[in-house]
Amino acid sequence: MQMKFLNWLAIAPAWILAAAIAQAAPRFEDSMAQRTLACTGCHGKEGRAGPDGYYPRISGKPAGYLYNQLLNFRDGRRHYGLMARLLDPLSDAYLLEIAQHFAALDLPYAAPPPATAAPAQLQRGQALVREGDPAHDIPACVQCHGDALTGAAPNTPGLLGLSRDYLNSQLGAWRTGQRRAHAPDCMARIARQLSPEDVAAVAAWLAAQPLPRDTRAVATLPRPPAILCGSAMRPAGRPQP
């Protein structure tokens, strides 16, 4: 059979060969979905999150937040070699296109895993998220991330639908300076006010919370945050998301 096919190739007209090759070649779509397959290889199909818990969901996050994080990885404020090498040759304008692509994906979230932390730890986590701890100068997470914890447009992410391991690792990175943002770096200051036990409590409680019916970031917060964050403002000279 193989010999007959080779003999056919030798005598077939060029246009027949071209047609056969065109049909066999995989179709390439010049779309952002096609170009961002390198992203979804780690962050899961359509950016819904990787299976290991360390690659977070990026679909549906506010465009300004995603854009800021792409800039932070490329420019050295966040440290992960694979991301830095992937983004290093890309322009601001192209990073903005990537951010806007994933921000526009309105996809359902997976159900959270059941809570395994002790009730006292979950209670402490809920108190920090909802009320903060004024005695230790810790504002409530809801002040910036919204009462539903789904984030606020254009630059503040939601905190639900993230794994406990990822939340722990990111709060730890803020505390140690491995993750930074434009000044004033509010999250670094807040994270340093949290004890390791508080970090674990916040991560445990957030990771166990169900998603509300509407998972989109709110357009505006009901009241201005009590703390100023450089990561929630457009960096100077950057295009507006």
C-alpha atoms as a PDB file:
ATOM      1  CA  MET A   1       0.000   0.000   0.000  1.00  0.00           C
ATOM      2  CA  GLN A   2       2.810   2.420   0.898  1.00  0.00           C
ATOM      3  CA  MET A   3       4.593   1.701  -2.414  1.00  0.00           C
ATOM      4  CA  LYS A   4       1.425   2.407  -4.423  1.00  0.00           C
ATOM      5  CA  PHE A   5       0.992   5.746  -2.605  1.00  0.00           C
ATOM      6  CA  LEU A   6       4.600   6.728  -3.362  1.00  0.00           C
ATOM      7  CA  ASN A   7       4.129   5.799  -7.020  1.00  0.00           C
ATOM      8  CA  TRP A   8       0.956   7.965  -7.114  1.00  0.00           C
ATOM      9  CA  LEU A   9       2.864  10.919  -5.659  1.00  0.00           C
ATOM     10  CA  ALA A  10       5.460  10.574  -8.389  1.00  0.00           C
ATOM     11  CA  ILE A  11       2.933  10.915 -11.217  1.00  0.00           C
ATOM     12  CA  ALA A  12       0.195  13.062  -9.679  1.00  0.00           C
ATOM     13  CA  PRO A  13      -0.264  16.599 -11.067  1.00  0.00           C
ATOM     14  CA  ALA A  14       1.014  19.409  -8.868  1.00  0.00           C
ATOM     15  CA  TRP A  15      -2.462  20.770  -8.177  1.00  0.00           C
ATOM     16  CA  ILE A  16      -3.621  17.423  -6.822  1.00  0.00           C
ATOM     17  CA  LEU A  17      -0.596  17.269  -4.520  1.00  0.00           C
ATOM     18  CA  ALA A  18      -1.248  20.805  -3.300  1.00  0.00           C
ATOM     19  CA  ALA A  19      -4.861  19.972  -2.519  1.00  0.00           C
ATOM     20  CA  ALA A  20      -3.903  16.821  -0.642  1.00  0.00           C
ATOM     21  CA  ILE A  21      -1.323  18.680   1.432  1.00  0.00           C
ATOM     22  CA  ALA A  22      -3.772  21.497   2.205  1.00  0.00           C
ATOM     23  CA  GLN A  23      -6.376  19.025   3.438  1.00  0.00           C
ATOM     24  CA  ALA A  24      -3.851  17.215   5.625  1.00  0.00           C
ATOM     25  CA  ALA A  25      -2.345  20.344   7.211  1.00  0.00           C
ATOM     26  CA  PRO A  26      -3.870  21.426  10.549  1.00  0.00           C
ATOM     27  CA  ARG A  27      -5.948  24.571  10.270  1.00  0.00           C
ATOM     28  CA  PHE A  28      -4.427  27.675  11.849  1.00  0.00           C
ATOM     29  CA  GLU A  29      -6.799  30.369  13.057  1.00  0.00           C
ATOM     30  CA  ASP A  30      -5.206  33.789  13.274  1.00  0.00           C
ATOM     31  CA  SER A  31      -7.074  34.617  16.456  1.00  0.00           C
ATOM     32  CA  MET A  32      -6.132  35.565  19.995  1.00  0.00           C
ATOM     33  CA  ALA A  33      -7.532  32.234  21.194  1.00  0.00           C
ATOM     34  CA  GLN A  34      -5.015  30.480  18.942  1.00  0.00           C
ATOM     35  CA  ARG A  35      -2.141  32.742  19.951  1.00  0.00           C
ATOM     36  CA  THR A  36      -2.761  32.278  23.675  1.00  0.00           C
ATOM     37  CA  LEU A  37      -2.543  28.482  23.605  1.00  0.00           C
ATOM     38  CA  ALA A  38       0.800  28.947  25.351  1.00  0.00           C
ATOM     39  CA  CYS A  39      -1.145  30.505  28.248  1.00  0.00           C
ATOM     40  CA  THR A  40      -3.852  27.861  28.440  1.00  0.00           C
ATOM     41  CA  GLY A  41      -1.260  25.086  28.446  1.00  0.00           C
ATOM     42  CA  CYS A  42      -0.647  26.006  32.109  1.00  0.00           C
ATOM     43  CA  HIS A  43      -3.738  28.007  33.082  1.00  0.00           C
ATOM     44  CA  GLY A  44      -6.182  25.418  31.764  1.00  0.00           C
ATOM     45  CA  LYS A  45      -8.600  25.378  28.861  1.00  0.00           C
ATOM     46  CA  GLU A  46      -9.738  28.949  28.115  1.00  0.00           C
ATOM     47  CA  GLY A  47      -7.840  30.079  31.214  1.00  0.00           C
ATOM     48  CA  ARG A  48     -10.156  28.309  33.682  1.00  0.00           C
ATOM     49  CA  ALA A  49      -7.203  27.328  35.986  1.00  0.00           C
ATOM     50  CA  GLY A  50      -4.622  24.591  35.918  1.00  0.00           C
ATOM     51  CA  PRO A  51      -5.321  21.243  37.602  1.00  0.00           C
ATOM     52  CA  ASP A  52      -2.497  21.503  40.150  1.00  0.00           C
ATOM     53  CA  GLY A  53      -3.831  24.529  42.025  1.00  0.00           C
ATOM     54  CA  TYR A  54      -0.812  26.743  41.367  1.00  0.00           C
ATOM     55  CA  TYR A  55      -1.817  28.124  37.970  1.00  0.00           C
ATOM     56  CA  PRO A  56      -4.789  30.367  38.713  1.00  0.00           C
ATOM     57  CA  ARG A  57      -7.879  31.104  36.696  1.00  0.00           C
ATOM     58  CA  ILE A  58      -7.360  34.085  34.401  1.00  0.00           C
ATOM     59  CA  SER A  59     -10.581  34.048  32.365  1.00  0.00           C
ATOM     60  CA  GLY A  60     -13.057  36.697  33.433  1.00  0.00           C
ATOM     61  CA  LYS A  61     -10.574  38.631  35.585  1.00  0.00           C
ATOM     62  CA  PRO A  62     -10.643  42.448  35.137  1.00  0.00           C
ATOM     63  CA  ALA A  63      -8.617  43.516  32.117  1.00  0.00           C
ATOM     64  CA  GLY A  64      -6.632  46.103  34.049  1.00  0.00           C
ATOM     65  CA  TYR A  65      -5.616  43.532  36.642  1.00  0.00           C
ATOM     66  CA  LEU A  66      -4.477  41.010  34.035  1.00  0.00           C
ATOM     67  CA  TYR A  67      -2.622  43.706  32.133  1.00  0.00           C
ATOM     68  CA  ASN A  68      -0.829  44.889  35.270  1.00  0.00           C
ATOM     69  CA  GLN A  69       0.233  41.337  36.116  1.00  0.00           C
ATOM     70  CA  LEU A  70       1.585  40.710  32.622  1.00  0.00           C
ATOM     71  CA  LEU A  71       3.599  43.909  32.936  1.00  0.00           C
ATOM     72  CA  ASN A  72       4.773  42.910  36.415  1.00  0.00           C
ATOM     73  CA  PHE A  73       6.031  39.516  35.210  1.00  0.00           C
ATOM     74  CA  ARG A  74       7.738  41.026  32.183  1.00  0.00           C
ATOM     75  CA  ASP A  75       9.272  43.938  34.087  1.00  0.00           C
ATOM     76  CA  GLY A  76      10.467  41.966  37.133  1.00  0.00           C
ATOM     77  CA  ARG A  77       7.977  42.927  39.842  1.00  0.00           C
ATOM     78  CA  ARG A  78       6.737  39.327  39.905  1.00  0.00           C
ATOM     79  CA  HIS A  79       9.174  36.438  39.654  1.00  0.00           C
ATOM     80  CA  TYR A  80       8.492  33.319  37.647  1.00  0.00           C
ATOM     81  CA  GLY A  81      11.046  32.475  34.980  1.00  0.00           C
ATOM     82  CA  LEU A  82       8.677  30.798  32.547  1.00  0.00           C
ATOM     83  CA  MET A  83       6.326  33.792  32.511  1.00  0.00           C
ATOM     84  CA  ALA A  84       9.170  36.278  32.243  1.00  0.00           C
ATOM     85  CA  ARG A  85      10.711  34.515  29.234  1.00  0.00           C
ATOM     86  CA  LEU A  86       7.339  34.153  27.555  1.00  0.00           C
ATOM     87  CA  LEU A  87       6.449  37.836  27.951  1.00  0.00           C
ATOM     88  CA  ASP A  88       9.853  39.476  27.553  1.00  0.00           C
ATOM     89  CA  PRO A  89       9.610  40.070  23.762  1.00  0.00           C
ATOM     90  CA  LEU A  90       5.995  41.299  23.854  1.00  0.00           C
ATOM     91  CA  SER A  91       4.980  44.958  23.664  1.00  0.00           C
ATOM     92  CA  ASP A  92       2.668  46.788  26.040  1.00  0.00           C
ATOM     93  CA  ALA A  93      -0.013  46.930  23.350  1.00  0.00           C
ATOM     94  CA  TYR A  94       0.112  43.181  22.740  1.00  0.00           C
ATOM     95  CA  LEU A  95      -0.011  42.404  26.465  1.00  0.00           C
ATOM     96  CA  LEU A  96      -3.103  44.576  26.657  1.00  0.00           C
ATOM     97  CA  GLU A  97      -4.707  42.542  23.853  1.00  0.00           C
ATOM     98  CA  ILE A  98      -4.003  39.334  25.766  1.00  0.00           C
ATOM     99  CA  ALA A  99      -5.487  40.797  28.950  1.00  0.00           C
ATOM    100  CA  GLN A 100      -8.617  41.974  27.161  1.00  0.00           C
ATOM    101  CA  HIS A 101      -9.061  38.571  25.501  1.00  0.00           C
ATOM    102  CA  PHE A 102      -9.123  36.653  28.789  1.00  0.00           C
ATOM    103  CA  ALA A 103     -11.120  39.349  30.587  1.00  0.00           C
ATOM    104  CA  ALA A 104     -13.915  38.972  28.029  1.00  0.00           C
ATOM    105  CA  LEU A 105     -14.349  35.225  28.710  1.00  0.00           C
ATOM    106  CA  ASP A 106     -17.421  34.767  30.926  1.00  0.00           C
ATOM    107  CA  LEU A 107     -17.188  31.080  31.829  1.00  0.00           C
ATOM    108  CA  PRO A 108     -18.608  29.059  34.733  1.00  0.00           C
ATOM    109  CA  TYR A 109     -16.436  28.285  37.732  1.00  0.00           C
ATOM    110  CA  ALA A 110     -15.859  24.849  39.194  1.00  0.00           C
ATOM    111  CA  ALA A 111     -17.382  24.169  42.611  1.00  0.00           C
ATOM    112  CA  PRO A 112     -14.949  24.798  45.497  1.00  0.00           C
ATOM    113  CA  PRO A 113     -13.532  21.825  47.388  1.00  0.00           C
ATOM    114  CA  PRO A 114     -15.008  21.156  50.837  1.00  0.00           C
ATOM    115  CA  ALA A 115     -13.312  22.982  53.689  1.00  0.00           C
ATOM    116  CA  THR A 116     -10.838  20.883  55.653  1.00  0.00           C
ATOM    117  CA  ALA A 117      -9.583  23.557  58.072  1.00  0.00           C
ATOM    118  CA  ALA A 118     -10.622  23.684  61.701  1.00  0.00           C
ATOM    119  CA  PRO A 119     -13.737  25.778  62.463  1.00  0.00           C
ATOM    120  CA  ALA A 120     -11.715  28.267  64.503  1.00  0.00           C
ATOM    121  CA  GLN A 121      -9.328  28.837  61.599  1.00  0.00           C
ATOM    122  CA  LEU A 122     -12.199  29.366  59.167  1.00  0.00           C
ATOM    123  CA  GLN A 123     -13.843  31.789  61.583  1.00  0.00           C
ATOM    124  CA  ARG A 124     -10.630  33.815  61.823  1.00  0.00           C
ATOM    125  CA  GLY A 125     -10.294  33.847  58.049  1.00  0.00           C
ATOM    126  CA  GLN A 126     -13.861  35.048  57.586  1.00  0.00           C
ATOM    127  CA  ALA A 127     -13.360  37.813  60.149  1.00  0.00           C
ATOM    128  CA  LEU A 128     -10.219  39.075  58.425  1.00  0.00           C
ATOM    129  CA  VAL A 129     -11.856  39.010  54.988  1.00  0.00           C
ATOM    130  CA  ARG A 130     -15.107  40.640  56.090  1.00  0.00           C
ATOM    131  CA  GLU A 131     -14.051  42.930  58.920  1.00  0.00           C
ATOM    132  CA  GLY A 132     -10.257  43.137  58.934  1.00  0.00           C
ATOM    133  CA  ASP A 133      -8.329  43.579  62.165  1.00  0.00           C
ATOM    134  CA  PRO A 134      -8.096  47.260  63.126  1.00  0.00           C
ATOM    135  CA  ALA A 135      -5.901  46.462  66.131  1.00  0.00           C
ATOM    136  CA  HIS A 136      -3.213  45.233  63.727  1.00  0.00           C
ATOM    137  CA  ASP A 137      -3.912  47.799  60.976  1.00  0.00           C
ATOM    138  CA  ILE A 138      -5.350  45.142  58.647  1.00  0.00           C
ATOM    139  CA  PRO A 139      -8.226  46.369  56.427  1.00  0.00           C
ATOM    140  CA  ALA A 140     -11.001  44.018  55.357  1.00  0.00           C
ATOM    141  CA  CYS A 141     -10.490  42.354  51.972  1.00  0.00           C
ATOM    142  CA  VAL A 142     -14.014  43.382  50.929  1.00  0.00           C
ATOM    143  CA  GLN A 143     -13.034  47.059  51.038  1.00  0.00           C
ATOM    144  CA  CYS A 144     -11.114  46.671  47.768  1.00  0.00           C
ATOM    145  CA  HIS A 145     -12.257  43.317  46.341  1.00  0.00           C
ATOM    146  CA  GLY A 146     -15.998  44.002  46.737  1.00  0.00           C
ATOM    147  CA  ASP A 147     -18.645  42.646  49.077  1.00  0.00           C
ATOM    148  CA  ALA A 148     -19.101  39.586  46.837  1.00  0.00           C
ATOM    149  CA  LEU A 149     -15.287  39.189  46.562  1.00  0.00           C
ATOM    150  CA  THR A 150     -15.542  39.045  42.761  1.00  0.00           C
ATOM    151  CA  GLY A 151     -13.277  42.068  42.262  1.00  0.00           C
ATOM    152  CA  ALA A 152     -13.809  45.594  41.011  1.00  0.00           C
ATOM    153  CA  ALA A 153     -13.222  46.895  37.487  1.00  0.00           C
ATOM    154  CA  PRO A 154     -10.864  47.710  36.007  1.00  0.00           C
ATOM    155  CA  ASN A 155      -7.916  46.662  38.173  1.00  0.00           C
ATOM    156  CA  THR A 156      -8.914  44.681  41.284  1.00  0.00           C
ATOM    157  CA  PRO A 157      -9.237  40.880  40.991  1.00  0.00           C
ATOM    158  CA  GLY A 158     -11.759  38.582  42.579  1.00  0.00           C
ATOM    159  CA  LEU A 159     -10.584  36.325  45.403  1.00  0.00           C
ATOM    160  CA  LEU A 160     -12.965  33.413  44.904  1.00  0.00           C
ATOM    161  CA  GLY A 161     -12.400  30.405  42.690  1.00  0.00           C
ATOM    162  CA  LEU A 162      -8.717  30.266  43.680  1.00  0.00           C
ATOM    163  CA  SER A 163      -7.071  27.307  45.378  1.00  0.00           C
ATOM    164  CA  ARG A 164      -5.872  27.377  48.951  1.00  0.00           C
ATOM    165  CA  ASP A 165      -2.309  26.640  47.820  1.00  0.00           C
ATOM    166  CA  TYR A 166      -2.315  29.507  45.334  1.00  0.00           C
ATOM    167  CA  LEU A 167      -3.703  32.004  47.858  1.00  0.00           C
ATOM    168  CA  ASN A 168      -1.142  30.901  50.443  1.00  0.00           C
ATOM    169  CA  SER A 169       1.709  31.211  47.969  1.00  0.00           C
ATOM    170  CA  GLN A 170       0.700  34.679  46.767  1.00  0.00           C
ATOM    171  CA  LEU A 171       0.162  36.146  50.226  1.00  0.00           C
ATOM    172  CA  GLY A 172       3.508  34.648  51.174  1.00  0.00           C
ATOM    173  CA  ALA A 173       5.116  36.217  48.110  1.00  0.00           C
ATOM    174  CA  TRP A 174       3.724  39.623  49.077  1.00  0.00           C
ATOM    175  CA  ARG A 175       5.102  39.207  52.613  1.00  0.00           C
ATOM    176  CA  THR A 176       8.617  38.302  51.426  1.00  0.00           C
ATOM    177  CA  GLY A 177       8.867  40.755  48.526  1.00  0.00           C
ATOM    178  CA  GLN A 178       8.817  38.099  45.809  1.00  0.00           C
ATOM    179  CA  ARG A 179       5.705  39.771  44.449  1.00  0.00           C
ATOM    180  CA  ARG A 180       5.565  43.544  44.139  1.00  0.00           C
ATOM    181  CA  ALA A 181       3.436  46.223  42.515  1.00  0.00           C
ATOM    182  CA  HIS A 182       3.675  49.911  41.728  1.00  0.00           C
ATOM    183  CA  ALA A 183       3.928  52.136  44.786  1.00  0.00           C
ATOM    184  CA  PRO A 184       2.081  52.498  47.015  1.00  0.00           C
ATOM    185  CA  ASP A 185       2.271  48.705  47.257  1.00  0.00           C
ATOM    186  CA  CYS A 186      -0.784  48.194  49.446  1.00  0.00           C
ATOM    187  CA  MET A 187      -0.882  44.407  49.271  1.00  0.00           C
ATOM    188  CA  ALA A 188       2.736  44.110  50.399  1.00  0.00           C
ATOM    189  CA  ARG A 189       1.964  46.293  53.409  1.00  0.00           C
ATOM    190  CA  ILE A 190      -1.188  44.355  54.281  1.00  0.00           C
ATOM    191  CA  ALA A 191       0.461  40.957  53.844  1.00  0.00           C
ATOM    192  CA  ARG A 192       3.317  41.941  56.165  1.00  0.00           C
ATOM    193  CA  GLN A 193       0.751  42.775  58.829  1.00  0.00           C
ATOM    194  CA  LEU A 194      -0.658  39.249  58.617  1.00  0.00           C
ATOM    195  CA  SER A 195       0.849  36.501  60.726  1.00  0.00           C
ATOM    196  CA  PRO A 196       1.547  33.136  59.049  1.00  0.00           C
ATOM    197  CA  GLU A 197      -1.511  31.812  60.883  1.00  0.00           C
ATOM    198  CA  ASP A 198      -3.621  34.657  59.506  1.00  0.00           C
ATOM    199  CA  VAL A 199      -2.410  33.940  55.961  1.00  0.00           C
ATOM    200  CA  ALA A 200      -3.425  30.300  56.339  1.00  0.00           C
ATOM    201  CA  ALA A 201      -6.809  31.272  57.776  1.00  0.00           C
ATOM    202  CA  VAL A 202      -7.638  33.730  54.987  1.00  0.00           C
ATOM    203  CA  ALA A 203      -6.573  31.255  52.286  1.00  0.00           C
ATOM    204  CA  ALA A 204      -8.556  28.402  53.848  1.00  0.00           C
ATOM    205  CA  TRP A 205     -11.756  30.429  54.150  1.00  0.00           C
ATOM    206  CA  LEU A 206     -11.600  32.025  50.692  1.00  0.00           C
ATOM    207  CA  ALA A 207     -10.826  28.727  48.921  1.00  0.00           C
ATOM    208  CA  ALA A 208     -13.913  27.087  50.447  1.00  0.00           C
ATOM    209  CA  GLN A 209     -16.425  29.767  49.451  1.00  0.00           C
ATOM    210  CA  PRO A 210     -19.006  29.113  46.715  1.00  0.00           C
ATOM    211  CA  LEU A 211     -19.177  31.511  43.805  1.00  0.00           C
ATOM    212  CA  PRO A 212     -22.149  33.898  43.586  1.00  0.00           C
ATOM    213  CA  ARG A 213     -24.521  33.697  40.642  1.00  0.00           C
ATOM    214  CA  ASP A 214     -22.881  36.740  39.052  1.00  0.00           C
ATOM    215  CA  THR A 215     -19.110  36.225  39.105  1.00  0.00           C
ATOM    216  CA  ARG A 216     -18.199  39.379  37.203  1.00  0.00           C
ATOM    217  CA  ALA A 217     -16.246  42.179  38.858  1.00  0.00           C
ATOM    218  CA  VAL A 218     -18.401  45.059  40.009  1.00  0.00           C
ATOM    219  CA  ALA A 219     -18.202  48.271  37.996  1.00  0.00           C
ATOM    220  CA  THR A 220     -17.717  50.429  41.089  1.00  0.00           C
ATOM    221  CA  LEU A 221     -17.299  49.883  44.803  1.00  0.00           C
ATOM    222  CA  PRO A 222     -20.017  51.252  47.100  1.00  0.00           C
ATOM    223  CA  ARG A 223     -17.414  53.394  48.873  1.00  0.00           C
ATOM    224  CA  PRO A 224     -13.797  54.318  48.114  1.00  0.00           C
ATOM    225  CA  PRO A 225     -11.204  51.951  49.603  1.00  0.00           C
ATOM    226  CA  ALA A 226      -9.573  53.164  52.796  1.00  0.00           C
ATOM    227  CA  ILE A 227      -6.137  52.366  51.405  1.00  0.00           C
ATOM    228  CA  LEU A 228      -4.433  53.625  48.242  1.00  0.00           C
ATOM    229  CA  CYS A 229      -3.023  50.969  45.903  1.00  0.00           C
ATOM    230  CA  GLY A 230      -0.609  51.583  43.055  1.00  0.00           C
ATOM    231  CA  SER A 231      -1.727  48.312  41.464  1.00  0.00           C
ATOM    232  CA  ALA A 232      -5.247  49.700  41.123  1.00  0.00           C
ATOM    233  CA  MET A 233      -4.097  52.739  39.146  1.00  0.00           C
ATOM    234  CA  ARG A 234      -2.920  52.965  35.546  1.00  0.00           C
ATOM    235  CA  PRO A 235       0.900  53.035  35.459  1.00  0.00           C
ATOM    236  CA  ALA A 236       2.275  56.221  33.940  1.00  0.00           C
ATOM    237  CA  GLY A 237       2.678  55.995  30.197  1.00  0.00           C
ATOM    238  CA  ARG A 238       0.701  52.771  29.857  1.00  0.00           C
ATOM    239  CA  PRO A 239      -2.370  52.415  27.613  1.00  0.00           C
ATOM    240  CA  GLN A 240      -5.722  52.465  29.372  1.00  0.00           C
ATOM    241  CA  PRO A 241      -7.377  48.985  29.497  1.00  0.00           C
END
